[in-house]
Amino acid sequence: MSGFVSLLFAPASRPDRFAKALAAGAQAVIFDLEDSVPEAGKAGARAALAQFLGAGRSGGPGRVVRINRLERAEGRADLQALCGLDVDAVMLPKVEAAEPLAEAARALEQAGSRASLIALVESARGVGRVESIAGQAPARLSALMFGAADYAADLGLQAGGRRADFARDRIVNAAAMAGVAAIDSPFFDIADPAGLEADCAMARAMGFAGKAAIHPSQVGPIEQAFALIEAERTLAARILAAGGDGAAAVLDGKMIDEAVVRWARRAAGGAR
């Protein structure tokens, strides 16, 4: 599992923002070499990010890098630059098959890198193949992330124009099948905190383990929304006490079966 509840995007073309992003309180920062960097600035952004990441670190949030597609020369150059750096995960954009994940895994393995892989599923084709992608992905895959904006564009819609429950459900199910985390897309209206709160509640109810952010102000609400509340921990402990040994039991008038016990074990351990 990725272990990240909140992930804050930061453009790799703005090295002046790197330290600020790491201090924003997110569990991980996604340094973006893809969409937020214009074509003419990609080589410079890659060099600036490599210099920053190569300076070492002591603690702090996770470091994730979204590279360009490996089908492009820029993506291959991104991956080559990252193989020798201390990063926690490499995010591949617009994943529509397992092959790019396997290629990235081989490169990281050859370089002795410990980085995991996050597959960003953000197209109609990617959603349509997500079970196959997750099922054939290398062991380094740690998460599937939904990209709502590009997916909406594929359907001829504006981001936020529809909830895309179909896509979200398939991604969550594929992630559970593969034993990896499901991370929800960012909420794009920075000026709508109530909308962010509702979006987080929806994502958590659908089974996502975390959510990306595009602004530091979104990190706190995401953390709060995805935190395992104390009431759930208390209920999990009671369930395990009543039926954790596998024997049939009843709690508060409700039957405790194996599925309920499995949820309780995850909840008691802090996982969602």
Foldseek 3Di string as FASTA:
>chain_A
DLPFAEEEEDELLCLVCPVVQQVLPGQEYEHELPDVADPVCNVVSLVSVLVVQQVDDDDTHAYEYEFEAPVDPRRVVSLLSPLQGQHAAYEYEQDQAQVSQVVSVVSNVVSVHPHAYEYEHEAPNNLVCVLRNLVPHDPSYAEYEYAQQNHQVNVVHGRVPDPPLSSLLSRQVSCVVNVHAYEYEEDPPPPCVVVLLVNLLVSVVSPHQHYYYHDSVSRVSSCVSNFLDPVLLVVLVVLCVAQVVQDWGADPNHTRHPVNNVVSVCVPVRGD
